[in-house]
Amino acid sequence: MTRNHHHPGGAVPADGYLGEIPPADRQPGLALLWPAPVQPALDSGVREAERWLRAAPQGYLWTLFVYARQEQSSDLLRTAFEVGFLTRLQQGVGQMPLDGLAYRF
């Protein structure tokens, strides 16, 4: 994974697919460049993390993470799920870096 400065005006380089994690809990979102379309896997990770953050504790976080991640059909999609899940948790605890960078996988 390499870091790149976010492209002004939302322009996306031709050699990647933009995936986005929206802002939440007064924390910034995250823009990511991927070698293939992964937005549904990112969204799934975000949804599962939100479900855990908003629900009364009903088991271990790691079990939700492991079982939901297994639903993804490839290593790349599992990685995208993990990024969405963990980024949403990081937003939930208020610890997102404010560097304004985009990341490339």
C-alpha atoms as a PDB file:
ATOM      1  CA  MET A   1       0.000   0.000   0.000  1.00  0.00           C
ATOM      2  CA  THR A   2       1.386   3.417  -0.895  1.00  0.00           C
ATOM      3  CA  ARG A   3       0.197   6.848   0.137  1.00  0.00           C
ATOM      4  CA  ASN A   4      -0.664   9.479  -2.441  1.00  0.00           C
ATOM      5  CA  HIS A   5      -1.934  12.972  -1.970  1.00  0.00           C
ATOM      6  CA  HIS A   6      -5.667  13.151  -2.615  1.00  0.00           C
ATOM      7  CA  HIS A   7      -6.416  14.348  -6.106  1.00  0.00           C
ATOM      8  CA  PRO A   8      -8.034  17.808  -6.197  1.00  0.00           C
ATOM      9  CA  GLY A   9     -11.614  17.941  -7.380  1.00  0.00           C
ATOM     10  CA  GLY A  10     -12.069  14.217  -6.888  1.00  0.00           C
ATOM     11  CA  ALA A  11     -10.247  13.311 -10.119  1.00  0.00           C
ATOM     12  CA  VAL A  12      -9.344   9.626 -10.185  1.00  0.00           C
ATOM     13  CA  PRO A  13      -6.255   8.383 -12.001  1.00  0.00           C
ATOM     14  CA  ALA A  14      -6.985   6.078 -14.936  1.00  0.00           C
ATOM     15  CA  ASP A  15      -4.992   3.222 -13.383  1.00  0.00           C
ATOM     16  CA  GLY A  16      -7.235   2.555 -10.381  1.00  0.00           C
ATOM     17  CA  TYR A  17     -10.737   2.324  -8.960  1.00  0.00           C
ATOM     18  CA  LEU A  18     -11.781   4.752  -6.262  1.00  0.00           C
ATOM     19  CA  GLY A  19     -13.246   3.268  -3.104  1.00  0.00           C
ATOM     20  CA  GLU A  20     -14.555   5.540  -0.390  1.00  0.00           C
ATOM     21  CA  ILE A  21     -15.377   5.224   3.277  1.00  0.00           C
ATOM     22  CA  PRO A  22     -17.679   8.079   4.294  1.00  0.00           C
ATOM     23  CA  PRO A  23     -17.071  10.414   7.236  1.00  0.00           C
ATOM     24  CA  ALA A  24     -18.701   9.326  10.508  1.00  0.00           C
ATOM     25  CA  ASP A  25     -18.793  10.429  14.131  1.00  0.00           C
ATOM     26  CA  ARG A  26     -17.213  13.785  13.257  1.00  0.00           C
ATOM     27  CA  GLN A  27     -14.226  11.960  11.794  1.00  0.00           C
ATOM     28  CA  PRO A  28     -13.050  12.264   8.180  1.00  0.00           C
ATOM     29  CA  GLY A  29     -13.703   9.645   5.549  1.00  0.00           C
ATOM     30  CA  LEU A  30     -11.059   7.890   3.511  1.00  0.00           C
ATOM     31  CA  ALA A  31     -10.451   7.668  -0.244  1.00  0.00           C
ATOM     32  CA  LEU A  32      -8.664   4.586  -1.539  1.00  0.00           C
ATOM     33  CA  LEU A  33      -7.399   3.561  -4.959  1.00  0.00           C
ATOM     34  CA  TRP A  34      -7.735  -0.136  -5.711  1.00  0.00           C
ATOM     35  CA  PRO A  35      -6.653  -2.275  -8.682  1.00  0.00           C
ATOM     36  CA  ALA A  36     -10.258  -3.527  -9.072  1.00  0.00           C
ATOM     37  CA  PRO A  37     -13.754  -2.395  -8.001  1.00  0.00           C
ATOM     38  CA  VAL A  38     -14.202  -3.163  -4.288  1.00  0.00           C
ATOM     39  CA  GLN A  39     -16.803  -0.640  -3.061  1.00  0.00           C
ATOM     40  CA  PRO A  40     -19.393  -3.299  -2.065  1.00  0.00           C
ATOM     41  CA  ALA A  41     -16.807  -5.055   0.136  1.00  0.00           C
ATOM     42  CA  LEU A  42     -15.775  -1.733   1.726  1.00  0.00           C
ATOM     43  CA  ASP A  43     -19.453  -0.953   2.378  1.00  0.00           C
ATOM     44  CA  SER A  44     -20.005  -4.386   3.911  1.00  0.00           C
ATOM     45  CA  GLY A  45     -17.103  -3.867   6.306  1.00  0.00           C
ATOM     46  CA  VAL A  46     -18.428  -0.450   7.307  1.00  0.00           C
ATOM     47  CA  ARG A  47     -21.951  -1.862   7.867  1.00  0.00           C
ATOM     48  CA  GLU A  48     -20.705  -4.727  10.048  1.00  0.00           C
ATOM     49  CA  ALA A  49     -18.612  -2.364  12.177  1.00  0.00           C
ATOM     50  CA  GLU A  50     -21.566   0.023  12.549  1.00  0.00           C
ATOM     51  CA  ARG A  51     -23.779  -2.871  13.572  1.00  0.00           C
ATOM     52  CA  TRP A  52     -21.315  -3.777  16.324  1.00  0.00           C
ATOM     53  CA  LEU A  53     -20.809  -0.153  17.429  1.00  0.00           C
ATOM     54  CA  ARG A  54     -24.556   0.497  17.734  1.00  0.00           C
ATOM     55  CA  ALA A  55     -25.718  -2.814  19.234  1.00  0.00           C
ATOM     56  CA  ALA A  56     -25.578  -3.980  22.794  1.00  0.00           C
ATOM     57  CA  PRO A  57     -22.592  -6.315  23.115  1.00  0.00           C
ATOM     58  CA  GLN A  58     -23.686  -9.733  21.889  1.00  0.00           C
ATOM     59  CA  GLY A  59     -20.442 -11.603  21.643  1.00  0.00           C
ATOM     60  CA  TYR A  60     -16.913 -10.914  20.670  1.00  0.00           C
ATOM     61  CA  LEU A  61     -15.980  -8.356  18.035  1.00  0.00           C
ATOM     62  CA  TRP A  62     -13.469 -10.734  16.474  1.00  0.00           C
ATOM     63  CA  THR A  63     -16.153 -13.369  15.793  1.00  0.00           C
ATOM     64  CA  LEU A  64     -18.305 -10.871  13.896  1.00  0.00           C
ATOM     65  CA  PHE A  65     -15.242  -9.746  11.956  1.00  0.00           C
ATOM     66  CA  VAL A  66     -14.043 -13.251  11.058  1.00  0.00           C
ATOM     67  CA  TYR A  67     -17.427 -14.626  10.002  1.00  0.00           C
ATOM     68  CA  ALA A  68     -18.436 -11.557   7.978  1.00  0.00           C
ATOM     69  CA  ARG A  69     -15.034 -11.394   6.266  1.00  0.00           C
ATOM     70  CA  GLN A  70     -15.382 -14.997   5.096  1.00  0.00           C
ATOM     71  CA  GLU A  71     -18.353 -13.965   2.939  1.00  0.00           C
ATOM     72  CA  GLN A  72     -15.975 -12.139   0.576  1.00  0.00           C
ATOM     73  CA  SER A  73     -14.972 -14.195  -2.467  1.00  0.00           C
ATOM     74  CA  SER A  74     -11.317 -13.162  -2.963  1.00  0.00           C
ATOM     75  CA  ASP A  75      -8.276 -11.978  -1.050  1.00  0.00           C
ATOM     76  CA  LEU A  76      -8.657  -8.470  -2.480  1.00  0.00           C
ATOM     77  CA  LEU A  77     -12.306  -8.261  -1.403  1.00  0.00           C
ATOM     78  CA  ARG A  78     -11.446  -9.612   2.052  1.00  0.00           C
ATOM     79  CA  THR A  79      -8.784  -6.908   2.361  1.00  0.00           C
ATOM     80  CA  ALA A  80     -11.316  -4.254   1.309  1.00  0.00           C
ATOM     81  CA  PHE A  81     -13.797  -5.597   3.878  1.00  0.00           C
ATOM     82  CA  GLU A  82     -11.093  -5.429   6.560  1.00  0.00           C
ATOM     83  CA  VAL A  83     -10.190  -1.851   5.629  1.00  0.00           C
ATOM     84  CA  GLY A  84     -13.847  -0.769   5.745  1.00  0.00           C
ATOM     85  CA  PHE A  85     -14.459  -2.540   9.048  1.00  0.00           C
ATOM     86  CA  LEU A  86     -11.348  -1.293  10.826  1.00  0.00           C
ATOM     87  CA  THR A  87     -11.601   2.255   9.458  1.00  0.00           C
ATOM     88  CA  ARG A  88     -15.192   2.533  10.707  1.00  0.00           C
ATOM     89  CA  LEU A  89     -14.086   1.326  14.151  1.00  0.00           C
ATOM     90  CA  GLN A  90     -11.253   3.871  14.106  1.00  0.00           C
ATOM     91  CA  GLN A  91     -13.767   6.595  13.250  1.00  0.00           C
ATOM     92  CA  GLY A  92     -15.950   5.382  16.122  1.00  0.00           C
ATOM     93  CA  VAL A  93     -13.194   5.897  18.670  1.00  0.00           C
ATOM     94  CA  GLY A  94     -12.317   9.309  17.227  1.00  0.00           C
ATOM     95  CA  GLN A  95      -8.779   8.529  16.155  1.00  0.00           C
ATOM     96  CA  MET A  96      -8.688   9.154  12.393  1.00  0.00           C
ATOM     97  CA  PRO A  97      -5.579  10.930  11.091  1.00  0.00           C
ATOM     98  CA  LEU A  98      -6.343  14.258   9.483  1.00  0.00           C
ATOM     99  CA  ASP A  99      -3.614  14.087   6.840  1.00  0.00           C
ATOM    100  CA  GLY A 100      -5.855  14.490   3.774  1.00  0.00           C
ATOM    101  CA  LEU A 101      -4.152  11.651   1.947  1.00  0.00           C
ATOM    102  CA  ALA A 102      -5.543   8.963  -0.291  1.00  0.00           C
ATOM    103  CA  TYR A 103      -4.135   5.456  -0.232  1.00  0.00           C
ATOM    104  CA  ARG A 104      -3.364   3.105  -3.096  1.00  0.00           C
ATOM    105  CA  PHE A 105      -3.444  -0.688  -2.802  1.00  0.00           C
END
